[in-house]
PDB file of N, CA and C in Angstrom:
ATOM      1  N   MET A   1     -15.470  36.616 -61.191  1.00  0.00           N
ATOM      2  CA  MET A   1     -15.779  38.159 -60.892  1.00  0.00           C
ATOM      3  C   MET A   1     -17.802  37.742 -60.514  1.00  0.00           C
ATOM      4  N   PRO A   2     -17.995  38.019 -59.667  1.00  0.00           N
ATOM      5  CA  PRO A   2     -19.046  37.886 -59.379  1.00  0.00           C
ATOM      6  C   PRO A   2     -20.292  39.385 -59.528  1.00  0.00           C
ATOM      7  N   ASN A   3     -20.979  38.387 -60.215  1.00  0.00           N
ATOM      8  CA  ASN A   3     -22.443  39.065 -61.208  1.00  0.00           C
ATOM      9  C   ASN A   3     -23.296  40.419 -60.259  1.00  0.00           C
ATOM     10  N   THR A   4     -23.420  39.631 -58.913  1.00  0.00           N
ATOM     11  CA  THR A   4     -24.587  40.379 -58.128  1.00  0.00           C
ATOM     12  C   THR A   4     -23.943  40.534 -56.932  1.00  0.00           C
ATOM     13  N   LYS A   5     -24.973  41.685 -56.370  1.00  0.00           N
ATOM     14  CA  LYS A   5     -24.436  41.984 -54.877  1.00  0.00           C
ATOM     15  C   LYS A   5     -24.278  40.703 -53.818  1.00  0.00           C
ATOM     16  N   SER A   6     -25.040  39.522 -54.314  1.00  0.00           N
ATOM     17  CA  SER A   6     -25.296  38.484 -53.280  1.00  0.00           C
ATOM     18  C   SER A   6     -23.943  37.457 -53.793  1.00  0.00           C
ATOM     19  N   ALA A   7     -23.900  37.361 -54.891  1.00  0.00           N
ATOM     20  CA  ALA A   7     -22.171  36.677 -55.276  1.00  0.00           C
ATOM     21  C   ALA A   7     -21.854  37.243 -54.686  1.00  0.00           C
ATOM     22  N   GLU A   8     -21.242  38.944 -54.435  1.00  0.00           N
ATOM     23  CA  GLU A   8     -20.282  39.585 -53.999  1.00  0.00           C
ATOM     24  C   GLU A   8     -20.300  39.229 -52.159  1.00  0.00           C
ATOM     25  N   LYS A   9     -21.355  39.111 -51.740  1.00  0.00           N
ATOM     26  CA  LYS A   9     -21.060  38.706 -50.302  1.00  0.00           C
ATOM     27  C   LYS A   9     -20.748  37.271 -50.455  1.00  0.00           C
ATOM     28  N   ASN A  10     -21.279  36.669 -50.871  1.00  0.00           N
ATOM     29  CA  ASN A  10     -20.820  35.160 -50.601  1.00  0.00           C
ATOM     30  C   ASN A  10     -19.606  34.649 -51.136  1.00  0.00           C
ATOM     31  N   GLN A  11     -18.464  35.454 -51.672  1.00  0.00           N
ATOM     32  CA  GLN A  11     -17.575  35.842 -51.837  1.00  0.00           C
ATOM     33  C   GLN A  11     -16.374  35.553 -50.689  1.00  0.00           C
ATOM     34  N   ARG A  12     -17.134  37.023 -50.275  1.00  0.00           N
ATOM     35  CA  ARG A  12     -16.753  37.758 -49.114  1.00  0.00           C
ATOM     36  C   ARG A  12     -16.344  36.912 -47.854  1.00  0.00           C
ATOM     37  N   LYS A  13     -17.584  36.149 -47.791  1.00  0.00           N
ATOM     38  CA  LYS A  13     -17.772  35.316 -46.438  1.00  0.00           C
ATOM     39  C   LYS A  13     -16.967  33.707 -46.746  1.00  0.00           C
ATOM     40  N   SER A  14     -16.995  33.206 -48.052  1.00  0.00           N
ATOM     41  CA  SER A  14     -15.929  32.199 -48.180  1.00  0.00           C
ATOM     42  C   SER A  14     -14.640  32.415 -48.714  1.00  0.00           C
ATOM     43  N   GLU A  15     -14.075  33.776 -48.210  1.00  0.00           N
ATOM     44  CA  GLU A  15     -12.693  34.096 -48.708  1.00  0.00           C
ATOM     45  C   GLU A  15     -12.352  33.906 -46.676  1.00  0.00           C
ATOM     46  N   ARG A  16     -13.651  34.621 -45.628  1.00  0.00           N
ATOM     47  CA  ARG A  16     -13.438  34.607 -44.422  1.00  0.00           C
ATOM     48  C   ARG A  16     -13.881  32.767 -43.985  1.00  0.00           C
ATOM     49  N   LYS A  17     -14.328  32.456 -44.460  1.00  0.00           N
ATOM     50  CA  LYS A  17     -14.271  30.552 -43.982  1.00  0.00           C
ATOM     51  C   LYS A  17     -13.238  30.383 -44.163  1.00  0.00           C
ATOM     52  N   ARG A  18     -12.810  30.472 -45.849  1.00  0.00           N
ATOM     53  CA  ARG A  18     -11.182  29.812 -45.395  1.00  0.00           C
ATOM     54  C   ARG A  18      -9.908  30.397 -45.066  1.00  0.00           C
ATOM     55  N   ILE A  19     -10.044  31.366 -44.397  1.00  0.00           N
ATOM     56  CA  ILE A  19      -8.892  32.169 -43.725  1.00  0.00           C
ATOM     57  C   ILE A  19      -8.930  30.886 -42.248  1.00  0.00           C
ATOM     58  N   PHE A  20     -10.215  31.327 -41.874  1.00  0.00           N
ATOM     59  CA  PHE A  20     -10.644  30.304 -40.609  1.00  0.00           C
ATOM     60  C   PHE A  20     -10.022  28.866 -40.870  1.00  0.00           C
ATOM     61  N   ASN A  21     -10.612  28.228 -41.679  1.00  0.00           N
ATOM     62  CA  ASN A  21     -10.275  27.233 -41.649  1.00  0.00           C
ATOM     63  C   ASN A  21      -8.449  26.840 -41.764  1.00  0.00           C
ATOM     64  N   LEU A  22      -8.238  27.504 -42.675  1.00  0.00           N
ATOM     65  CA  LEU A  22      -6.649  27.394 -42.993  1.00  0.00           C
ATOM     66  C   LEU A  22      -6.022  27.470 -41.297  1.00  0.00           C
ATOM     67  N   ARG A  23      -6.206  28.378 -40.697  1.00  0.00           N
ATOM     68  CA  ARG A  23      -6.078  28.611 -39.272  1.00  0.00           C
ATOM     69  C   ARG A  23      -5.844  27.002 -38.491  1.00  0.00           C
ATOM     70  N   ALA A  24      -7.368  27.021 -38.196  1.00  0.00           N
ATOM     71  CA  ALA A  24      -7.514  25.909 -37.778  1.00  0.00           C
ATOM     72  C   ALA A  24      -7.099  24.476 -38.411  1.00  0.00           C
ATOM     73  N   LYS A  25      -6.822  24.009 -39.235  1.00  0.00           N
ATOM     74  CA  LYS A  25      -5.819  23.225 -39.998  1.00  0.00           C
ATOM     75  C   LYS A  25      -4.430  22.966 -39.574  1.00  0.00           C
ATOM     76  N   LYS A  26      -3.924  24.564 -39.592  1.00  0.00           N
ATOM     77  CA  LYS A  26      -2.666  24.646 -39.221  1.00  0.00           C
ATOM     78  C   LYS A  26      -2.301  24.355 -37.863  1.00  0.00           C
ATOM     79  N   GLU A  27      -3.113  25.158 -36.671  1.00  0.00           N
ATOM     80  CA  GLU A  27      -2.937  24.770 -35.625  1.00  0.00           C
ATOM     81  C   GLU A  27      -3.160  23.158 -35.202  1.00  0.00           C
ATOM     82  N   LEU A  28      -4.000  22.652 -35.923  1.00  0.00           N
ATOM     83  CA  LEU A  28      -3.713  21.198 -35.569  1.00  0.00           C
ATOM     84  C   LEU A  28      -2.505  20.204 -36.344  1.00  0.00           C
ATOM     85  N   LYS A  29      -2.436  20.979 -37.862  1.00  0.00           N
ATOM     86  CA  LYS A  29      -0.810  20.464 -37.802  1.00  0.00           C
ATOM     87  C   LYS A  29       0.457  20.485 -36.971  1.00  0.00           C
ATOM     88  N   GLU A  30       0.551  21.576 -36.325  1.00  0.00           N
ATOM     89  CA  GLU A  30       1.506  22.010 -35.048  1.00  0.00           C
ATOM     90  C   GLU A  30       1.571  21.094 -34.352  1.00  0.00           C
ATOM     91  N   GLN A  31       0.079  21.130 -33.630  1.00  0.00           N
ATOM     92  CA  GLN A  31       0.111  20.154 -32.448  1.00  0.00           C
ATOM     93  C   GLN A  31       0.535  18.496 -32.822  1.00  0.00           C
ATOM     94  N   LEU A  32      -0.203  18.188 -33.660  1.00  0.00           N
ATOM     95  CA  LEU A  32       0.551  16.821 -34.273  1.00  0.00           C
ATOM     96  C   LEU A  32       1.694  16.641 -34.070  1.00  0.00           C
ATOM     97  N   LYS A  33       2.812  17.923 -34.856  1.00  0.00           N
ATOM     98  CA  LYS A  33       4.290  17.639 -34.713  1.00  0.00           C
ATOM     99  C   LYS A  33       4.738  17.682 -33.679  1.00  0.00           C
ATOM    100  N   GLN A  34       4.392  18.252 -32.811  1.00  0.00           N
ATOM    101  CA  GLN A  34       4.594  18.291 -31.517  1.00  0.00           C
ATOM    102  C   GLN A  34       4.553  17.103 -30.788  1.00  0.00           C
ATOM    103  N   LEU A  35       3.478  16.556 -30.856  1.00  0.00           N
ATOM    104  CA  LEU A  35       2.835  15.010 -30.369  1.00  0.00           C
ATOM    105  C   LEU A  35       3.813  14.000 -30.833  1.00  0.00           C
ATOM    106  N   LYS A  36       4.045  14.005 -32.106  1.00  0.00           N
ATOM    107  CA  LYS A  36       5.241  13.084 -33.317  1.00  0.00           C
ATOM    108  C   LYS A  36       6.383  13.048 -32.689  1.00  0.00           C
ATOM    109  N   ALA A  37       6.784  14.110 -32.342  1.00  0.00           N
ATOM    110  CA  ALA A  37       8.116  14.547 -31.706  1.00  0.00           C
ATOM    111  C   ALA A  37       8.408  13.304 -30.970  1.00  0.00           C
ATOM    112  N   LEU A  38       7.408  13.864 -29.657  1.00  0.00           N
ATOM    113  CA  LEU A  38       7.660  13.256 -28.465  1.00  0.00           C
ATOM    114  C   LEU A  38       7.314  11.421 -28.578  1.00  0.00           C
ATOM    115  N   ILE A  39       7.016  11.152 -29.622  1.00  0.00           N
ATOM    116  CA  ILE A  39       6.610   9.947 -29.808  1.00  0.00           C
ATOM    117  C   ILE A  39       7.659   9.109 -30.234  1.00  0.00           C
ATOM    118  N   ASP A  40       8.622   9.974 -31.011  1.00  0.00           N
ATOM    119  CA  ASP A  40       9.856   9.439 -31.769  1.00  0.00           C
ATOM    120  C   ASP A  40      10.779   9.849 -30.845  1.00  0.00           C
ATOM    121  N   ALA A  41      10.800  10.628 -29.897  1.00  0.00           N
ATOM    122  CA  ALA A  41      11.737  10.795 -28.501  1.00  0.00           C
ATOM    123  C   ALA A  41      11.474  10.457 -27.393  1.00  0.00           C
ATOM    124  N   LYS A  42      10.474   8.766 -27.504  1.00  0.00           N
ATOM    125  CA  LYS A  42      10.145   8.245 -27.024  1.00  0.00           C
ATOM    126  C   LYS A  42      10.062   8.007 -25.613  1.00  0.00           C
ATOM    127  N   LYS A  43       9.127   9.683 -25.871  1.00  0.00           N
ATOM    128  CA  LYS A  43       8.841  10.482 -24.115  1.00  0.00           C
ATOM    129  C   LYS A  43       7.350   9.828 -24.068  1.00  0.00           C
ATOM    130  N   LYS A  44       6.877   8.910 -23.295  1.00  0.00           N
ATOM    131  CA  LYS A  44       5.534   8.154 -22.704  1.00  0.00           C
ATOM    132  C   LYS A  44       5.110   9.492 -21.974  1.00  0.00           C
ATOM    133  N   GLU A  45       5.321   9.488 -20.850  1.00  0.00           N
ATOM    134  CA  GLU A  45       4.424  10.133 -19.844  1.00  0.00           C
ATOM    135  C   GLU A  45       4.103  11.115 -20.517  1.00  0.00           C
ATOM    136  N   GLU A  46       5.339  12.167 -20.777  1.00  0.00           N
ATOM    137  CA  GLU A  46       4.685  13.804 -21.605  1.00  0.00           C
ATOM    138  C   GLU A  46       4.072  13.317 -22.908  1.00  0.00           C
ATOM    139  N   ALA A  47       4.450  12.571 -23.807  1.00  0.00           N
ATOM    140  CA  ALA A  47       3.060  12.068 -24.756  1.00  0.00           C
ATOM    141  C   ALA A  47       1.992  11.819 -24.501  1.00  0.00           C
ATOM    142  N   LEU A  48       1.892  11.267 -23.178  1.00  0.00           N
ATOM    143  CA  LEU A  48       0.473  10.799 -22.253  1.00  0.00           C
ATOM    144  C   LEU A  48      -0.161  12.179 -22.047  1.00  0.00           C
ATOM    145  N   SER A  49       0.853  12.564 -21.341  1.00  0.00           N
ATOM    146  CA  SER A  49      -0.081  13.998 -21.103  1.00  0.00           C
ATOM    147  C   SER A  49      -0.160  15.170 -21.976  1.00  0.00           C
ATOM    148  N   PHE A  50       0.135  15.098 -23.050  1.00  0.00           N
ATOM    149  CA  PHE A  50       0.136  16.561 -24.355  1.00  0.00           C
ATOM    150  C   PHE A  50      -1.103  15.239 -25.024  1.00  0.00           C
ATOM    151  N   PHE A  51      -1.573  14.302 -25.070  1.00  0.00           N
ATOM    152  CA  PHE A  51      -2.314  13.927 -25.772  1.00  0.00           C
ATOM    153  C   PHE A  51      -3.760  14.934 -25.353  1.00  0.00           C
ATOM    154  N   PRO A  52      -4.561  14.959 -23.739  1.00  0.00           N
ATOM    155  CA  PRO A  52      -5.210  15.532 -23.943  1.00  0.00           C
ATOM    156  C   PRO A  52      -5.689  16.972 -24.470  1.00  0.00           C
ATOM    157  N   THR A  53      -4.828  18.033 -25.035  1.00  0.00           N
ATOM    158  CA  THR A  53      -4.878  18.641 -25.228  1.00  0.00           C
ATOM    159  C   THR A  53      -4.726  18.874 -26.988  1.00  0.00           C
ATOM    160  N   ILE A  54      -4.629  17.874 -27.749  1.00  0.00           N
ATOM    161  CA  ILE A  54      -4.840  16.972 -28.961  1.00  0.00           C
ATOM    162  C   ILE A  54      -6.334  16.727 -29.280  1.00  0.00           C
ATOM    163  N   GLN A  55      -6.409  15.884 -28.672  1.00  0.00           N
ATOM    164  CA  GLN A  55      -7.910  15.512 -28.411  1.00  0.00           C
ATOM    165  C   GLN A  55      -9.071  16.769 -28.095  1.00  0.00           C
ATOM    166  N   SER A  56      -8.903  18.107 -27.436  1.00  0.00           N
ATOM    167  CA  SER A  56      -9.595  18.576 -27.202  1.00  0.00           C
ATOM    168  C   SER A  56     -10.007  19.377 -28.378  1.00  0.00           C
ATOM    169  N   LEU A  57      -8.771  19.513 -29.505  1.00  0.00           N
ATOM    170  CA  LEU A  57      -8.507  20.023 -30.258  1.00  0.00           C
ATOM    171  C   LEU A  57      -9.182  19.807 -31.543  1.00  0.00           C
ATOM    172  N   LEU A  58      -9.091  18.297 -31.491  1.00  0.00           N
ATOM    173  CA  LEU A  58     -10.002  17.744 -32.789  1.00  0.00           C
ATOM    174  C   LEU A  58     -11.508  17.567 -32.136  1.00  0.00           C
ATOM    175  N   ASP A  59     -11.485  17.586 -31.327  1.00  0.00           N
ATOM    176  CA  ASP A  59     -13.447  17.371 -30.908  1.00  0.00           C
ATOM    177  C   ASP A  59     -13.541  18.905 -30.960  1.00  0.00           C
ATOM    178  N   ARG A  60     -12.777  20.207 -30.576  1.00  0.00           N
ATOM    179  CA  ARG A  60     -13.788  21.346 -31.207  1.00  0.00           C
ATOM    180  C   ARG A  60     -13.468  22.068 -32.501  1.00  0.00           C
ATOM    181  N   LEU A  61     -12.768  21.144 -33.228  1.00  0.00           N
ATOM    182  CA  LEU A  61     -13.526  21.251 -35.093  1.00  0.00           C
ATOM    183  C   LEU A  61     -13.828  20.477 -35.179  1.00  0.00           C
ATOM    184  N   VAL A  62     -14.009  19.666 -34.787  1.00  0.00           N
ATOM    185  CA  VAL A  62     -15.270  18.491 -35.176  1.00  0.00           C
ATOM    186  C   VAL A  62     -17.054  19.430 -34.762  1.00  0.00           C
ATOM    187  N   LYS A  63     -16.298  20.057 -33.612  1.00  0.00           N
ATOM    188  CA  LYS A  63     -17.838  21.039 -33.157  1.00  0.00           C
ATOM    189  C   LYS A  63     -17.846  21.900 -33.891  1.00  0.00           C
ATOM    190  N   ARG A  64     -17.297  22.434 -34.618  1.00  0.00           N
ATOM    191  CA  ARG A  64     -17.366  23.521 -35.485  1.00  0.00           C
ATOM    192  C   ARG A  64     -17.603  23.216 -37.217  1.00  0.00           C
ATOM    193  N   LYS A  65     -17.370  22.064 -37.167  1.00  0.00           N
ATOM    194  CA  LYS A  65     -17.297  20.855 -38.273  1.00  0.00           C
ATOM    195  C   LYS A  65     -16.700  21.574 -39.098  1.00  0.00           C
ATOM    196  N   LYS A  66     -15.510  22.117 -38.997  1.00  0.00           N
ATOM    197  CA  LYS A  66     -14.347  21.954 -39.830  1.00  0.00           C
ATOM    198  C   LYS A  66     -13.708  20.186 -39.900  1.00  0.00           C
ATOM    199  N   LEU A  67     -13.979  19.846 -39.302  1.00  0.00           N
ATOM    200  CA  LEU A  67     -13.496  17.856 -39.484  1.00  0.00           C
ATOM    201  C   LEU A  67     -14.371  17.004 -38.739  1.00  0.00           C
ATOM    202  N   VAL A  68     -14.280  16.193 -39.771  1.00  0.00           N
ATOM    203  CA  VAL A  68     -15.532  14.825 -39.934  1.00  0.00           C
ATOM    204  C   VAL A  68     -15.224  14.276 -38.528  1.00  0.00           C
ATOM    205  N   ALA A  69     -16.223  14.011 -37.537  1.00  0.00           N
ATOM    206  CA  ALA A  69     -16.112  13.260 -36.417  1.00  0.00           C
ATOM    207  C   ALA A  69     -15.785  11.698 -37.012  1.00  0.00           C
ATOM    208  N   ASN A  70     -15.716  10.906 -37.264  1.00  0.00           N
ATOM    209  CA  ASN A  70     -15.102   9.997 -37.769  1.00  0.00           C
ATOM    210  C   ASN A  70     -13.783  10.190 -38.017  1.00  0.00           C
ATOM    211  N   THR A  71     -13.336  10.904 -38.888  1.00  0.00           N
ATOM    212  CA  THR A  71     -12.117  11.388 -39.195  1.00  0.00           C
ATOM    213  C   THR A  71     -11.604  11.554 -37.908  1.00  0.00           C
ATOM    214  N   ALA A  72     -11.586  12.284 -36.995  1.00  0.00           N
ATOM    215  CA  ALA A  72     -11.293  12.969 -35.980  1.00  0.00           C
ATOM    216  C   ALA A  72     -10.892  11.602 -34.904  1.00  0.00           C
ATOM    217  N   ASN A  73     -11.821  10.981 -34.632  1.00  0.00           N
ATOM    218  CA  ASN A  73     -11.895   9.702 -34.212  1.00  0.00           C
ATOM    219  C   ASN A  73     -10.829   8.933 -34.105  1.00  0.00           C
ATOM    220  N   ARG A  74     -10.938   9.000 -35.756  1.00  0.00           N
ATOM    221  CA  ARG A  74      -9.803   7.895 -35.965  1.00  0.00           C
ATOM    222  C   ARG A  74      -8.175   8.281 -35.979  1.00  0.00           C
ATOM    223  N   LYS A  75      -7.639   9.185 -36.001  1.00  0.00           N
ATOM    224  CA  LYS A  75      -6.730  10.467 -35.563  1.00  0.00           C
ATOM    225  C   LYS A  75      -6.711  10.052 -33.971  1.00  0.00           C
ATOM    226  N   LYS A  76      -7.527  10.247 -33.514  1.00  0.00           N
ATOM    227  CA  LYS A  76      -7.146   9.764 -31.715  1.00  0.00           C
ATOM    228  C   LYS A  76      -6.487   8.723 -31.357  1.00  0.00           C
ATOM    229  N   LYS A  77      -7.509   7.075 -32.042  1.00  0.00           N
ATOM    230  CA  LYS A  77      -7.513   6.070 -31.728  1.00  0.00           C
ATOM    231  C   LYS A  77      -5.823   5.820 -32.409  1.00  0.00           C
ATOM    232  N   ARG A  78      -5.508   5.905 -33.685  1.00  0.00           N
ATOM    233  CA  ARG A  78      -4.162   5.990 -33.713  1.00  0.00           C
ATOM    234  C   ARG A  78      -2.787   6.383 -33.681  1.00  0.00           C
ATOM    235  N   LEU A  79      -3.543   7.798 -32.724  1.00  0.00           N
ATOM    236  CA  LEU A  79      -2.158   8.468 -31.619  1.00  0.00           C
ATOM    237  C   LEU A  79      -2.236   7.616 -30.477  1.00  0.00           C
ATOM    238  N   LEU A  80      -2.991   7.311 -30.363  1.00  0.00           N
ATOM    239  CA  LEU A  80      -2.862   6.433 -28.661  1.00  0.00           C
ATOM    240  C   LEU A  80      -2.324   5.375 -28.847  1.00  0.00           C
ATOM    241  N   LYS A  81      -2.502   4.985 -29.763  1.00  0.00           N
ATOM    242  CA  LYS A  81      -2.224   3.330 -30.130  1.00  0.00           C
ATOM    243  C   LYS A  81      -0.540   3.511 -30.368  1.00  0.00           C
ATOM    244  N   LYS A  82       0.017   4.632 -30.754  1.00  0.00           N
ATOM    245  CA  LYS A  82       1.362   5.290 -31.074  1.00  0.00           C
ATOM    246  C   LYS A  82       2.169   5.075 -29.715  1.00  0.00           C
ATOM    247  N   ILE A  83       1.281   5.856 -29.065  1.00  0.00           N
ATOM    248  CA  ILE A  83       2.048   6.418 -27.717  1.00  0.00           C
ATOM    249  C   ILE A  83       1.875   4.723 -26.525  1.00  0.00           C
ATOM    250  N   GLU A  84       0.944   4.642 -26.829  1.00  0.00           N
ATOM    251  CA  GLU A  84       0.551   3.148 -26.134  1.00  0.00           C
ATOM    252  C   GLU A  84       2.174   2.233 -26.381  1.00  0.00           C
ATOM    253  N   LYS A  85       2.573   2.128 -27.199  1.00  0.00           N
ATOM    254  CA  LYS A  85       3.264   0.703 -28.172  1.00  0.00           C
ATOM    255  C   LYS A  85       4.838   1.517 -28.108  1.00  0.00           C
ATOM    256  N   ILE A  86       4.873   2.754 -27.062  1.00  0.00           N
ATOM    257  CA  ILE A  86       6.219   3.136 -27.067  1.00  0.00           C
ATOM    258  C   ILE A  86       7.110   2.241 -26.001  1.00  0.00           C
ATOM    259  N   SER A  87       6.611   1.764 -24.717  1.00  0.00           N
ATOM    260  CA  SER A  87       6.871   0.711 -23.801  1.00  0.00           C
ATOM    261  C   SER A  87       7.316  -0.197 -23.780  1.00  0.00           C
ATOM    262  N   SER A  88       6.250  -0.635 -25.162  1.00  0.00           N
ATOM    263  CA  SER A  88       6.520  -2.260 -25.857  1.00  0.00           C
ATOM    264  C   SER A  88       7.920  -2.456 -26.168  1.00  0.00           C
ATOM    265  N   VAL A  89       8.332  -1.239 -27.010  1.00  0.00           N
ATOM    266  CA  VAL A  89       9.804  -1.493 -28.104  1.00  0.00           C
ATOM    267  C   VAL A  89      11.067  -1.200 -27.081  1.00  0.00           C
TER     268      VAL A  89
END
């Protein structure tokens, strides 16, 4: 329970931020799920055409400071490796 006016305001702000962060993470999770489904189905062309949307989403999350830049870069690199690996299997 907040004791001061500023503590009440900070509590409201943090709740709002929490909702936005959860929404962003949920969107990322859904997009990754779609891409992984394409990878599992061995649809390389479709996965490659879908990859820029995920790349853009990760970059936006980094820009809004919802995700660390190195984490986003690591995710992009690993996903691209998985996509490239499809044809060799």
